[in-house]
Structure formats: C-alpha cells, structure tokens
PDB file of N, CA and C in Angstrom:
ATOM      1  N   MET A   1     -22.606 106.516 185.883  1.00  0.00           N
ATOM      2  CA  MET A   1     -23.397 107.779 186.726  1.00  0.00           C
ATOM      3  C   MET A   1     -22.184 108.695 187.079  1.00  0.00           C
ATOM      4  N   ASN A   2     -23.148 109.918 186.804  1.00  0.00           N
ATOM      5  CA  ASN A   2     -21.950 111.130 186.562  1.00  0.00           C
ATOM      6  C   ASN A   2     -22.125 112.308 188.117  1.00  0.00           C
ATOM      7  N   PRO A   3     -20.362 111.760 188.556  1.00  0.00           N
ATOM      8  CA  PRO A   3     -20.158 112.733 189.921  1.00  0.00           C
ATOM      9  C   PRO A   3     -20.126 113.945 189.906  1.00  0.00           C
ATOM     10  N   SER A   4     -19.662 114.514 188.540  1.00  0.00           N
ATOM     11  CA  SER A   4     -19.243 116.137 189.167  1.00  0.00           C
ATOM     12  C   SER A   4     -20.690 116.688 188.744  1.00  0.00           C
ATOM     13  N   GLU A   5     -21.812 116.474 188.571  1.00  0.00           N
ATOM     14  CA  GLU A   5     -22.866 116.852 189.393  1.00  0.00           C
ATOM     15  C   GLU A   5     -22.885 116.968 190.858  1.00  0.00           C
ATOM     16  N   LEU A   6     -22.509 116.019 191.543  1.00  0.00           N
ATOM     17  CA  LEU A   6     -22.598 116.074 192.878  1.00  0.00           C
ATOM     18  C   LEU A   6     -21.778 117.699 193.114  1.00  0.00           C
ATOM     19  N   GLN A   7     -20.289 116.861 192.780  1.00  0.00           N
ATOM     20  CA  GLN A   7     -19.311 118.226 192.772  1.00  0.00           C
ATOM     21  C   GLN A   7     -19.561 119.644 192.551  1.00  0.00           C
ATOM     22  N   LYS A   8     -20.627 119.552 191.362  1.00  0.00           N
ATOM     23  CA  LYS A   8     -21.077 120.893 191.503  1.00  0.00           C
ATOM     24  C   LYS A   8     -21.939 121.630 192.743  1.00  0.00           C
ATOM     25  N   LEU A   9     -22.505 121.097 193.122  1.00  0.00           N
ATOM     26  CA  LEU A   9     -23.376 121.025 194.451  1.00  0.00           C
ATOM     27  C   LEU A   9     -22.428 121.288 195.027  1.00  0.00           C
ATOM     28  N   ARG A  10     -21.518 120.761 195.666  1.00  0.00           N
ATOM     29  CA  ARG A  10     -20.092 120.998 196.949  1.00  0.00           C
ATOM     30  C   ARG A  10     -19.242 121.693 196.825  1.00  0.00           C
ATOM     31  N   ARG A  11     -19.691 122.440 195.286  1.00  0.00           N
ATOM     32  CA  ARG A  11     -18.901 123.302 194.597  1.00  0.00           C
ATOM     33  C   ARG A  11     -19.305 124.623 195.340  1.00  0.00           C
ATOM     34  N   ARG A  12     -20.382 124.842 195.139  1.00  0.00           N
ATOM     35  CA  ARG A  12     -21.402 125.473 195.589  1.00  0.00           C
ATOM     36  C   ARG A  12     -21.463 126.071 197.380  1.00  0.00           C
ATOM     37  N   THR A  13     -21.104 124.747 197.988  1.00  0.00           N
ATOM     38  CA  THR A  13     -21.058 125.461 199.144  1.00  0.00           C
ATOM     39  C   THR A  13     -20.025 125.109 200.047  1.00  0.00           C
ATOM     40  N   ARG A  14     -18.635 124.766 198.977  1.00  0.00           N
ATOM     41  CA  ARG A  14     -17.112 124.658 199.799  1.00  0.00           C
ATOM     42  C   ARG A  14     -16.676 125.633 198.306  1.00  0.00           C
ATOM     43  N   PRO A  15     -16.342 127.052 198.087  1.00  0.00           N
ATOM     44  CA  PRO A  15     -15.997 127.163 196.592  1.00  0.00           C
ATOM     45  C   PRO A  15     -13.951 127.185 197.565  1.00  0.00           C
ATOM     46  N   ASP A  16     -14.096 127.009 198.540  1.00  0.00           N
ATOM     47  CA  ASP A  16     -12.526 127.319 199.048  1.00  0.00           C
ATOM     48  C   ASP A  16     -12.277 126.087 198.373  1.00  0.00           C
ATOM     49  N   ASP A  17     -13.082 125.502 199.401  1.00  0.00           N
ATOM     50  CA  ASP A  17     -11.694 123.943 198.807  1.00  0.00           C
ATOM     51  C   ASP A  17     -11.988 122.863 197.905  1.00  0.00           C
ATOM     52  N   ALA A  18     -11.187 123.409 197.429  1.00  0.00           N
ATOM     53  CA  ALA A  18     -10.463 122.984 195.712  1.00  0.00           C
ATOM     54  C   ALA A  18     -10.524 121.273 195.912  1.00  0.00           C
ATOM     55  N   ASP A  19      -9.520 120.475 197.096  1.00  0.00           N
ATOM     56  CA  ASP A  19      -9.145 119.839 197.372  1.00  0.00           C
ATOM     57  C   ASP A  19     -10.254 118.329 198.261  1.00  0.00           C
ATOM     58  N   ALA A  20     -11.657 119.206 198.314  1.00  0.00           N
ATOM     59  CA  ALA A  20     -12.549 118.527 198.684  1.00  0.00           C
ATOM     60  C   ALA A  20     -13.774 117.924 198.036  1.00  0.00           C
ATOM     61  N   VAL A  21     -13.453 119.039 197.346  1.00  0.00           N
ATOM     62  CA  VAL A  21     -14.542 119.183 195.490  1.00  0.00           C
ATOM     63  C   VAL A  21     -13.895 117.609 194.856  1.00  0.00           C
ATOM     64  N   ALA A  22     -12.795 117.948 194.858  1.00  0.00           N
ATOM     65  CA  ALA A  22     -11.960 116.954 193.651  1.00  0.00           C
ATOM     66  C   ALA A  22     -11.826 115.575 194.158  1.00  0.00           C
ATOM     67  N   ARG A  23     -12.043 115.321 195.482  1.00  0.00           N
ATOM     68  CA  ARG A  23     -12.390 113.712 196.138  1.00  0.00           C
ATOM     69  C   ARG A  23     -13.397 113.520 195.995  1.00  0.00           C
ATOM     70  N   ILE A  24     -14.483 114.419 195.175  1.00  0.00           N
ATOM     71  CA  ILE A  24     -15.683 113.143 195.692  1.00  0.00           C
ATOM     72  C   ILE A  24     -16.008 112.330 194.273  1.00  0.00           C
ATOM     73  N   ASP A  25     -15.228 112.791 193.039  1.00  0.00           N
ATOM     74  CA  ASP A  25     -15.365 111.610 191.963  1.00  0.00           C
ATOM     75  C   ASP A  25     -14.285 110.518 192.768  1.00  0.00           C
ATOM     76  N   THR A  26     -13.477 110.577 192.799  1.00  0.00           N
ATOM     77  CA  THR A  26     -12.938 109.189 194.187  1.00  0.00           C
ATOM     78  C   THR A  26     -13.708 108.432 194.939  1.00  0.00           C
ATOM     79  N   GLN A  27     -14.332 109.082 195.946  1.00  0.00           N
ATOM     80  CA  GLN A  27     -15.137 108.931 196.904  1.00  0.00           C
ATOM     81  C   GLN A  27     -16.122 107.968 196.672  1.00  0.00           C
ATOM     82  N   ILE A  28     -17.258 108.742 195.727  1.00  0.00           N
ATOM     83  CA  ILE A  28     -18.347 107.949 194.908  1.00  0.00           C
ATOM     84  C   ILE A  28     -17.467 106.677 194.242  1.00  0.00           C
ATOM     85  N   ALA A  29     -16.811 106.577 193.283  1.00  0.00           N
ATOM     86  CA  ALA A  29     -16.200 105.514 192.941  1.00  0.00           C
ATOM     87  C   ALA A  29     -15.621 104.335 193.993  1.00  0.00           C
ATOM     88  N   ASP A  30     -14.853 104.678 194.629  1.00  0.00           N
ATOM     89  CA  ASP A  30     -14.686 104.166 195.586  1.00  0.00           C
ATOM     90  C   ASP A  30     -16.037 103.512 196.332  1.00  0.00           C
ATOM     91  N   THR A  31     -16.823 103.837 196.965  1.00  0.00           N
ATOM     92  CA  THR A  31     -18.292 103.734 196.936  1.00  0.00           C
ATOM     93  C   THR A  31     -18.941 102.414 196.300  1.00  0.00           C
ATOM     94  N   ARG A  32     -18.738 103.070 195.403  1.00  0.00           N
ATOM     95  CA  ARG A  32     -19.684 102.253 194.523  1.00  0.00           C
ATOM     96  C   ARG A  32     -18.966 100.825 194.312  1.00  0.00           C
ATOM     97  N   ALA A  33     -17.879 100.073 194.739  1.00  0.00           N
ATOM     98  CA  ALA A  33     -17.190  99.792 194.082  1.00  0.00           C
ATOM     99  C   ALA A  33     -16.961  98.761 195.454  1.00  0.00           C
ATOM    100  N   HIS A  34     -17.411  99.173 196.710  1.00  0.00           N
ATOM    101  CA  HIS A  34     -17.219  98.952 197.633  1.00  0.00           C
ATOM    102  C   HIS A  34     -18.306  97.977 198.157  1.00  0.00           C
ATOM    103  N   ALA A  35     -19.515  98.703 197.755  1.00  0.00           N
ATOM    104  CA  ALA A  35     -21.702  98.172 197.962  1.00  0.00           C
ATOM    105  C   ALA A  35     -21.091  96.896 196.379  1.00  0.00           C
ATOM    106  N   ILE A  36     -20.324  97.196 195.637  1.00  0.00           N
ATOM    107  CA  ILE A  36     -21.230  95.694 194.648  1.00  0.00           C
ATOM    108  C   ILE A  36     -20.584  94.406 195.424  1.00  0.00           C
ATOM    109  N   ALA A  37     -18.951  94.639 195.852  1.00  0.00           N
ATOM    110  CA  ALA A  37     -18.049  93.846 196.249  1.00  0.00           C
ATOM    111  C   ALA A  37     -19.082  93.152 197.289  1.00  0.00           C
ATOM    112  N   ALA A  38     -19.666  93.831 198.032  1.00  0.00           N
ATOM    113  CA  ALA A  38     -20.673  93.540 199.293  1.00  0.00           C
ATOM    114  C   ALA A  38     -21.751  92.181 198.954  1.00  0.00           C
ATOM    115  N   ARG A  39     -22.764  93.250 197.869  1.00  0.00           N
ATOM    116  CA  ARG A  39     -23.166  92.296 197.148  1.00  0.00           C
ATOM    117  C   ARG A  39     -23.202  91.530 196.404  1.00  0.00           C
ATOM    118  N   LEU A  40     -22.183  90.727 195.917  1.00  0.00           N
ATOM    119  CA  LEU A  40     -21.741  89.520 194.836  1.00  0.00           C
ATOM    120  C   LEU A  40     -21.691  88.823 196.768  1.00  0.00           C
ATOM    121  N   ALA A  41     -20.823  89.004 197.421  1.00  0.00           N
ATOM    122  CA  ALA A  41     -20.583  88.538 198.831  1.00  0.00           C
ATOM    123  C   ALA A  41     -21.799  87.763 199.881  1.00  0.00           C
ATOM    124  N   GLN A  42     -22.505  88.678 199.016  1.00  0.00           N
ATOM    125  CA  GLN A  42     -23.903  89.470 200.169  1.00  0.00           C
ATOM    126  C   GLN A  42     -23.574  88.926 201.226  1.00  0.00           C
ATOM    127  N   ASP A  43     -23.097  90.212 201.329  1.00  0.00           N
ATOM    128  CA  ASP A  43     -23.061  90.986 202.973  1.00  0.00           C
ATOM    129  C   ASP A  43     -23.892  92.427 202.905  1.00  0.00           C
ATOM    130  N   ASP A  44     -24.598  92.007 203.623  1.00  0.00           N
ATOM    131  CA  ASP A  44     -25.388  93.411 203.309  1.00  0.00           C
ATOM    132  C   ASP A  44     -24.839  94.612 204.448  1.00  0.00           C
ATOM    133  N   LYS A  45     -24.097  94.155 205.378  1.00  0.00           N
ATOM    134  CA  LYS A  45     -23.445  94.852 206.512  1.00  0.00           C
ATOM    135  C   LYS A  45     -22.947  96.420 206.227  1.00  0.00           C
ATOM    136  N   PRO A  46     -21.590  95.819 205.062  1.00  0.00           N
ATOM    137  CA  PRO A  46     -20.805  97.311 204.874  1.00  0.00           C
ATOM    138  C   PRO A  46     -21.422  98.059 203.999  1.00  0.00           C
ATOM    139  N   GLU A  47     -22.381  97.619 202.718  1.00  0.00           N
ATOM    140  CA  GLU A  47     -23.307  98.372 202.238  1.00  0.00           C
ATOM    141  C   GLU A  47     -24.143  99.279 202.984  1.00  0.00           C
ATOM    142  N   ARG A  48     -24.851  99.233 204.060  1.00  0.00           N
ATOM    143  CA  ARG A  48     -25.604 100.041 205.454  1.00  0.00           C
ATOM    144  C   ARG A  48     -24.475 101.057 205.436  1.00  0.00           C
ATOM    145  N   GLU A  49     -24.114 100.396 206.008  1.00  0.00           N
ATOM    146  CA  GLU A  49     -22.782 101.500 206.639  1.00  0.00           C
ATOM    147  C   GLU A  49     -22.156 102.070 205.489  1.00  0.00           C
ATOM    148  N   LEU A  50     -21.964 102.314 204.180  1.00  0.00           N
ATOM    149  CA  LEU A  50     -21.551 103.035 203.311  1.00  0.00           C
ATOM    150  C   LEU A  50     -23.148 103.923 203.253  1.00  0.00           C
ATOM    151  N   VAL A  51     -24.474 103.250 203.513  1.00  0.00           N
ATOM    152  CA  VAL A  51     -25.601 103.765 203.292  1.00  0.00           C
ATOM    153  C   VAL A  51     -25.341 105.247 204.002  1.00  0.00           C
ATOM    154  N   ILE A  52     -24.455 104.988 205.517  1.00  0.00           N
ATOM    155  CA  ILE A  52     -24.625 105.510 206.282  1.00  0.00           C
ATOM    156  C   ILE A  52     -23.994 106.688 206.382  1.00  0.00           C
ATOM    157  N   ASP A  53     -23.051 106.602 206.027  1.00  0.00           N
ATOM    158  CA  ASP A  53     -21.692 107.512 205.474  1.00  0.00           C
ATOM    159  C   ASP A  53     -22.551 108.332 205.053  1.00  0.00           C
ATOM    160  N   TRP A  54     -22.606 107.720 203.195  1.00  0.00           N
ATOM    161  CA  TRP A  54     -23.193 108.908 202.688  1.00  0.00           C
ATOM    162  C   TRP A  54     -24.256 110.019 203.045  1.00  0.00           C
ATOM    163  N   GLN A  55     -25.463 109.580 204.263  1.00  0.00           N
ATOM    164  CA  GLN A  55     -26.334 110.305 203.805  1.00  0.00           C
ATOM    165  C   GLN A  55     -26.158 111.453 204.599  1.00  0.00           C
ATOM    166  N   ASN A  56     -24.775 110.723 205.573  1.00  0.00           N
ATOM    167  CA  ASN A  56     -24.380 111.969 206.588  1.00  0.00           C
ATOM    168  C   ASN A  56     -24.029 112.611 205.840  1.00  0.00           C
ATOM    169  N   ARG A  57     -22.841 112.538 204.445  1.00  0.00           N
ATOM    170  CA  ARG A  57     -21.944 113.683 203.287  1.00  0.00           C
ATOM    171  C   ARG A  57     -23.900 114.439 203.156  1.00  0.00           C
ATOM    172  N   LEU A  58     -24.350 113.722 202.804  1.00  0.00           N
ATOM    173  CA  LEU A  58     -25.601 114.593 201.857  1.00  0.00           C
ATOM    174  C   LEU A  58     -26.098 115.682 203.309  1.00  0.00           C
ATOM    175  N   SER A  59     -26.141 114.975 203.844  1.00  0.00           N
ATOM    176  CA  SER A  59     -26.894 115.924 204.839  1.00  0.00           C
ATOM    177  C   SER A  59     -26.361 116.598 205.190  1.00  0.00           C
ATOM    178  N   GLN A  60     -25.020 116.545 205.406  1.00  0.00           N
ATOM    179  CA  GLN A  60     -24.037 117.988 206.192  1.00  0.00           C
ATOM    180  C   GLN A  60     -24.201 118.982 204.837  1.00  0.00           C
ATOM    181  N   LEU A  61     -24.086 118.554 203.511  1.00  0.00           N
ATOM    182  CA  LEU A  61     -24.098 119.819 202.626  1.00  0.00           C
ATOM    183  C   LEU A  61     -25.591 120.333 202.043  1.00  0.00           C
ATOM    184  N   LEU A  62     -27.051 119.390 202.537  1.00  0.00           N
ATOM    185  CA  LEU A  62     -27.813 119.821 202.754  1.00  0.00           C
ATOM    186  C   LEU A  62     -28.041 121.074 203.785  1.00  0.00           C
ATOM    187  N   ALA A  63     -27.075 120.854 205.229  1.00  0.00           N
ATOM    188  CA  ALA A  63     -27.827 121.592 206.258  1.00  0.00           C
ATOM    189  C   ALA A  63     -27.098 122.961 205.360  1.00  0.00           C
ATOM    190  N   ALA A  64     -25.960 122.989 205.262  1.00  0.00           N
ATOM    191  CA  ALA A  64     -24.332 123.904 204.315  1.00  0.00           C
ATOM    192  C   ALA A  64     -25.389 124.932 203.329  1.00  0.00           C
ATOM    193  N   GLU A  65     -26.355 124.580 202.444  1.00  0.00           N
ATOM    194  CA  GLU A  65     -26.748 124.915 201.768  1.00  0.00           C
ATOM    195  C   GLU A  65     -28.387 124.377 201.745  1.00  0.00           C
ATOM    196  N   PRO A  66     -29.453 124.767 201.704  1.00  0.00           N
ATOM    197  CA  PRO A  66     -30.853 124.455 202.190  1.00  0.00           C
ATOM    198  C   PRO A  66     -31.554 124.561 200.964  1.00  0.00           C
ATOM    199  N   SER A  67     -31.196 125.172 200.284  1.00  0.00           N
ATOM    200  CA  SER A  67     -31.468 125.549 198.642  1.00  0.00           C
ATOM    201  C   SER A  67     -31.375 124.309 197.480  1.00  0.00           C
ATOM    202  N   LEU A  68     -30.339 123.014 198.024  1.00  0.00           N
ATOM    203  CA  LEU A  68     -29.977 121.988 197.276  1.00  0.00           C
ATOM    204  C   LEU A  68     -31.287 121.308 197.139  1.00  0.00           C
ATOM    205  N   GLY A  69     -32.328 121.500 197.970  1.00  0.00           N
ATOM    206  CA  GLY A  69     -32.772 120.428 198.469  1.00  0.00           C
ATOM    207  C   GLY A  69     -33.504 119.483 197.152  1.00  0.00           C
ATOM    208  N   THR A  70     -33.830 120.235 196.307  1.00  0.00           N
ATOM    209  CA  THR A  70     -34.271 119.977 195.027  1.00  0.00           C
ATOM    210  C   THR A  70     -33.597 119.217 193.817  1.00  0.00           C
ATOM    211  N   GLU A  71     -32.169 120.037 194.014  1.00  0.00           N
ATOM    212  CA  GLU A  71     -31.687 119.648 193.006  1.00  0.00           C
ATOM    213  C   GLU A  71     -31.254 117.685 193.327  1.00  0.00           C
ATOM    214  N   LEU A  72     -31.079 118.196 195.176  1.00  0.00           N
ATOM    215  CA  LEU A  72     -29.942 117.136 195.802  1.00  0.00           C
ATOM    216  C   LEU A  72     -31.289 115.548 195.603  1.00  0.00           C
ATOM    217  N   ARG A  73     -32.225 115.735 195.997  1.00  0.00           N
ATOM    218  CA  ARG A  73     -32.909 114.991 195.569  1.00  0.00           C
ATOM    219  C   ARG A  73     -33.246 114.108 194.216  1.00  0.00           C
ATOM    220  N   ARG A  74     -33.023 115.055 193.117  1.00  0.00           N
ATOM    221  CA  ARG A  74     -33.029 114.974 191.858  1.00  0.00           C
ATOM    222  C   ARG A  74     -32.179 114.042 191.480  1.00  0.00           C
ATOM    223  N   LEU A  75     -30.934 114.209 192.088  1.00  0.00           N
ATOM    224  CA  LEU A  75     -29.671 114.173 191.343  1.00  0.00           C
ATOM    225  C   LEU A  75     -29.307 112.561 192.560  1.00  0.00           C
ATOM    226  N   LEU A  76     -30.200 112.040 193.182  1.00  0.00           N
ATOM    227  CA  LEU A  76     -30.010 110.731 193.776  1.00  0.00           C
ATOM    228  C   LEU A  76     -31.124 110.116 193.782  1.00  0.00           C
ATOM    229  N   GLY A  77     -32.208 110.823 192.925  1.00  0.00           N
ATOM    230  CA  GLY A  77     -33.656 109.712 191.403  1.00  0.00           C
ATOM    231  C   GLY A  77     -32.779 109.060 190.894  1.00  0.00           C
ATOM    232  N   ASP A  78     -32.381 110.178 189.791  1.00  0.00           N
ATOM    233  CA  ASP A  78     -32.081 110.336 188.152  1.00  0.00           C
ATOM    234  C   ASP A  78     -31.158 109.561 187.756  1.00  0.00           C
ATOM    235  N   THR A  79     -30.328 109.573 189.325  1.00  0.00           N
ATOM    236  CA  THR A  79     -28.154 109.477 188.575  1.00  0.00           C
ATOM    237  C   THR A  79     -27.498 108.700 189.360  1.00  0.00           C
ATOM    238  N   LEU A  80     -27.511 108.743 191.083  1.00  0.00           N
ATOM    239  CA  LEU A  80     -27.093 107.897 191.567  1.00  0.00           C
ATOM    240  C   LEU A  80     -27.077 107.284 192.409  1.00  0.00           C
ATOM    241  N   THR A  81     -29.010 106.706 192.800  1.00  0.00           N
ATOM    242  CA  THR A  81     -29.683 105.594 192.719  1.00  0.00           C
ATOM    243  C   THR A  81     -29.063 104.460 192.049  1.00  0.00           C
ATOM    244  N   PRO A  82     -29.138 105.262 190.787  1.00  0.00           N
ATOM    245  CA  PRO A  82     -29.467 103.930 189.442  1.00  0.00           C
ATOM    246  C   PRO A  82     -27.926 104.074 189.427  1.00  0.00           C
ATOM    247  N   ALA A  83     -27.608 104.619 189.495  1.00  0.00           N
ATOM    248  CA  ALA A  83     -25.932 104.219 189.004  1.00  0.00           C
ATOM    249  C   ALA A  83     -25.372 102.850 189.368  1.00  0.00           C
ATOM    250  N   LEU A  84     -26.239 103.132 191.142  1.00  0.00           N
ATOM    251  CA  LEU A  84     -25.539 101.843 191.299  1.00  0.00           C
ATOM    252  C   LEU A  84     -25.926 100.841 191.220  1.00  0.00           C
ATOM    253  N   ASP A  85     -27.126 100.618 190.785  1.00  0.00           N
ATOM    254  CA  ASP A  85     -28.223  98.983 190.690  1.00  0.00           C
ATOM    255  C   ASP A  85     -27.651  98.683 189.348  1.00  0.00           C
ATOM    256  N   ALA A  86     -27.229  99.811 188.524  1.00  0.00           N
ATOM    257  CA  ALA A  86     -26.767  99.304 187.008  1.00  0.00           C
ATOM    258  C   ALA A  86     -25.599  99.019 186.723  1.00  0.00           C
ATOM    259  N   SER A  87     -25.209  99.367 187.397  1.00  0.00           N
ATOM    260  CA  SER A  87     -23.124  99.019 187.799  1.00  0.00           C
ATOM    261  C   SER A  87     -23.447  97.581 188.143  1.00  0.00           C
ATOM    262  N   ALA A  88     -24.066  96.425 188.589  1.00  0.00           N
ATOM    263  CA  ALA A  88     -24.053  95.367 189.285  1.00  0.00           C
ATOM    264  C   ALA A  88     -25.135  94.913 188.701  1.00  0.00           C
ATOM    265  N   PRO A  89     -24.302  94.239 187.229  1.00  0.00           N
ATOM    266  CA  PRO A  89     -25.313  93.935 186.249  1.00  0.00           C
ATOM    267  C   PRO A  89     -25.638  91.929 186.895  1.00  0.00           C
ATOM    268  N   GLY A  90     -25.262  91.310 187.408  1.00  0.00           N
ATOM    269  CA  GLY A  90     -25.603  89.688 187.580  1.00  0.00           C
ATOM    270  C   GLY A  90     -26.301  89.592 188.873  1.00  0.00           C
ATOM    271  N   LEU A  91     -26.861  91.556 189.414  1.00  0.00           N
ATOM    272  CA  LEU A  91     -27.185  90.508 190.599  1.00  0.00           C
ATOM    273  C   LEU A  91     -28.967  92.013 190.512  1.00  0.00           C
ATOM    274  N   MET A  92     -29.789  90.986 190.808  1.00  0.00           N
ATOM    275  CA  MET A  92     -31.887  91.311 189.920  1.00  0.00           C
ATOM    276  C   MET A  92     -32.715  90.690 191.392  1.00  0.00           C
ATOM    277  N   THR A  93     -33.781  91.182 191.334  1.00  0.00           N
ATOM    278  CA  THR A  93     -34.216  91.000 191.468  1.00  0.00           C
ATOM    279  C   THR A  93     -35.931  90.878 191.090  1.00  0.00           C
ATOM    280  N   VAL A  94     -35.936  89.521 191.006  1.00  0.00           N
ATOM    281  CA  VAL A  94     -37.262  89.126 189.645  1.00  0.00           C
ATOM    282  C   VAL A  94     -38.677  89.051 190.045  1.00  0.00           C
ATOM    283  N   THR A  95     -39.800  89.365 190.305  1.00  0.00           N
ATOM    284  CA  THR A  95     -41.202  89.054 191.227  1.00  0.00           C
ATOM    285  C   THR A  95     -41.894  89.023 189.953  1.00  0.00           C
ATOM    286  N   MET A  96     -42.852  87.997 190.258  1.00  0.00           N
ATOM    287  CA  MET A  96     -43.346  87.535 188.548  1.00  0.00           C
ATOM    288  C   MET A  96     -44.788  86.671 189.021  1.00  0.00           C
ATOM    289  N   TRP A  97     -46.031  87.022 189.021  1.00  0.00           N
ATOM    290  CA  TRP A  97     -47.359  87.154 189.297  1.00  0.00           C
ATOM    291  C   TRP A  97     -47.764  85.982 187.416  1.00  0.00           C
ATOM    292  N   ALA A  98     -48.657  84.873 188.278  1.00  0.00           N
ATOM    293  CA  ALA A  98     -49.841  84.516 186.442  1.00  0.00           C
ATOM    294  C   ALA A  98     -50.587  83.805 187.811  1.00  0.00           C
ATOM    295  N   THR A  99     -52.005  83.440 186.388  1.00  0.00           N
ATOM    296  CA  THR A  99     -52.692  83.204 187.026  1.00  0.00           C
ATOM    297  C   THR A  99     -53.207  82.048 186.235  1.00  0.00           C
ATOM    298  N   ALA A 100     -53.531  80.641 186.443  1.00  0.00           N
ATOM    299  CA  ALA A 100     -54.095  79.813 184.761  1.00  0.00           C
ATOM    300  C   ALA A 100     -55.037  79.348 185.589  1.00  0.00           C
ATOM    301  N   GLN A 101     -55.632  79.717 184.057  1.00  0.00           N
ATOM    302  CA  GLN A 101     -57.032  79.219 184.243  1.00  0.00           C
ATOM    303  C   GLN A 101     -57.685  77.951 183.108  1.00  0.00           C
ATOM    304  N   ASP A 102     -58.740  76.561 183.202  1.00  0.00           N
ATOM    305  CA  ASP A 102     -59.359  76.477 182.148  1.00  0.00           C
ATOM    306  C   ASP A 102     -57.568  75.196 182.090  1.00  0.00           C
ATOM    307  N   ASN A 103     -57.271  74.720 180.363  1.00  0.00           N
ATOM    308  CA  ASN A 103     -56.095  74.590 180.166  1.00  0.00           C
ATOM    309  C   ASN A 103     -54.914  75.487 179.932  1.00  0.00           C
ATOM    310  N   SER A 104     -54.703  76.601 180.072  1.00  0.00           N
ATOM    311  CA  SER A 104     -53.872  77.709 179.743  1.00  0.00           C
ATOM    312  C   SER A 104     -52.482  77.210 180.415  1.00  0.00           C
ATOM    313  N   ARG A 105     -51.568  77.074 180.334  1.00  0.00           N
ATOM    314  CA  ARG A 105     -50.264  76.817 180.416  1.00  0.00           C
ATOM    315  C   ARG A 105     -49.658  78.584 181.145  1.00  0.00           C
ATOM    316  N   ILE A 106     -48.769  78.833 181.924  1.00  0.00           N
ATOM    317  CA  ILE A 106     -47.895  79.896 181.969  1.00  0.00           C
ATOM    318  C   ILE A 106     -46.484  79.066 182.328  1.00  0.00           C
ATOM    319  N   TYR A 107     -45.941  79.960 181.657  1.00  0.00           N
ATOM    320  CA  TYR A 107     -44.197  79.491 181.673  1.00  0.00           C
ATOM    321  C   TYR A 107     -43.457  81.038 182.012  1.00  0.00           C
ATOM    322  N   GLN A 108     -42.646  80.743 183.030  1.00  0.00           N
ATOM    323  CA  GLN A 108     -42.017  82.157 183.852  1.00  0.00           C
ATOM    324  C   GLN A 108     -40.709  82.138 184.183  1.00  0.00           C
ATOM    325  N   ALA A 109     -39.619  82.681 183.822  1.00  0.00           N
ATOM    326  CA  ALA A 109     -38.552  82.201 184.297  1.00  0.00           C
ATOM    327  C   ALA A 109     -37.456  83.906 184.199  1.00  0.00           C
ATOM    328  N   GLY A 110     -36.864  83.742 185.246  1.00  0.00           N
ATOM    329  CA  GLY A 110     -36.031  84.979 185.314  1.00  0.00           C
ATOM    330  C   GLY A 110     -34.816  85.174 184.910  1.00  0.00           C
ATOM    331  N   GLY A 111     -34.440  84.359 183.861  1.00  0.00           N
ATOM    332  CA  GLY A 111     -33.233  84.201 182.983  1.00  0.00           C
ATOM    333  C   GLY A 111     -33.966  83.600 181.657  1.00  0.00           C
ATOM    334  N   ASP A 112     -32.810  82.330 181.198  1.00  0.00           N
ATOM    335  CA  ASP A 112     -32.967  81.945 180.017  1.00  0.00           C
ATOM    336  C   ASP A 112     -34.258  80.658 179.913  1.00  0.00           C
ATOM    337  N   GLN A 113     -34.780  80.626 178.844  1.00  0.00           N
ATOM    338  CA  GLN A 113     -35.729  79.560 179.605  1.00  0.00           C
ATOM    339  C   GLN A 113     -36.070  78.826 177.699  1.00  0.00           C
ATOM    340  N   TYR A 114     -35.991  77.328 177.595  1.00  0.00           N
ATOM    341  CA  TYR A 114     -36.040  76.623 176.975  1.00  0.00           C
ATOM    342  C   TYR A 114     -37.303  75.401 176.820  1.00  0.00           C
ATOM    343  N   ILE A 115     -38.322  75.569 176.356  1.00  0.00           N
ATOM    344  CA  ILE A 115     -39.721  74.767 176.524  1.00  0.00           C
ATOM    345  C   ILE A 115     -39.885  73.578 174.845  1.00  0.00           C
ATOM    346  N   ASP A 116     -39.451  72.665 175.273  1.00  0.00           N
ATOM    347  CA  ASP A 116     -40.008  71.265 174.531  1.00  0.00           C
ATOM    348  C   ASP A 116     -40.854  71.339 174.539  1.00  0.00           C
ATOM    349  N   GLU A 117     -42.440  71.937 173.647  1.00  0.00           N
ATOM    350  CA  GLU A 117     -43.078  70.582 174.149  1.00  0.00           C
ATOM    351  C   GLU A 117     -43.800  69.936 173.032  1.00  0.00           C
ATOM    352  N   ALA A 118     -42.828  68.793 172.573  1.00  0.00           N
ATOM    353  CA  ALA A 118     -43.246  68.068 171.235  1.00  0.00           C
ATOM    354  C   ALA A 118     -44.605  67.127 171.595  1.00  0.00           C
ATOM    355  N   ARG A 119     -45.367  67.584 170.459  1.00  0.00           N
ATOM    356  CA  ARG A 119     -46.239  66.022 170.941  1.00  0.00           C
ATOM    357  C   ARG A 119     -46.481  65.067 169.791  1.00  0.00           C
TER     358      ARG A 119
END
C-alpha cells in the first residue's frame, strides 16, 4: 500500500497541519494491522468499526475538498482496498463451479490437491 498518496490528498485540504498529514502513514498501518488481526480471529466487529471510522475520515476529506472525489475513488479502488486484501495471504475466498457429463470427472481444490488414479 502506498499511504503517501493519501497524504498528498490530505495535504491539499490541510496544508497548514503537517502533524495530521504525517500521522496518516501510522494510522493506515495501525488500521491494517487491526483489520488483519480481526480477520484471523474471525471477528468481523472490529473490522466493521474500522471501516466506519475510515468512511468518516474520508467523507470529511471529501467534504473539505469535493474536487478530490475522482482521485479518492481511484486511490480506494486501485491502492488501499487491494493492499488490505493482499496483506492477509492466509485468508481467501474460493468459489468454484463445475458440471460433469457422461464419464467425465471434475477435480477442484482451494489449495493443494493430489490425485492418484492408478489403474
């Protein structure tokens, strides 16, 4: 994740508050760590609370500078959200569909698979 992009957006709305801009890196890192811990514990309440907190922060940023809307959507879609998902490598969702006909076979796995069909 590249929090400095969010810092740049924040700096444009509050150029006089260097401390608030500097804290963004730490806040994002802390948020990500808490979200990953909640996912690993299979407790979605802390993650929901973090989402609400950041929705409020980003809404305030957007209210202060409405022209940031396009950049903020791009940042969320391209950088922040994928970084959170990628930072929890042991957690994934696998969806599979298959249809077998006649004498066909289907082998599906969400992880390692070993098939021995010695005949």
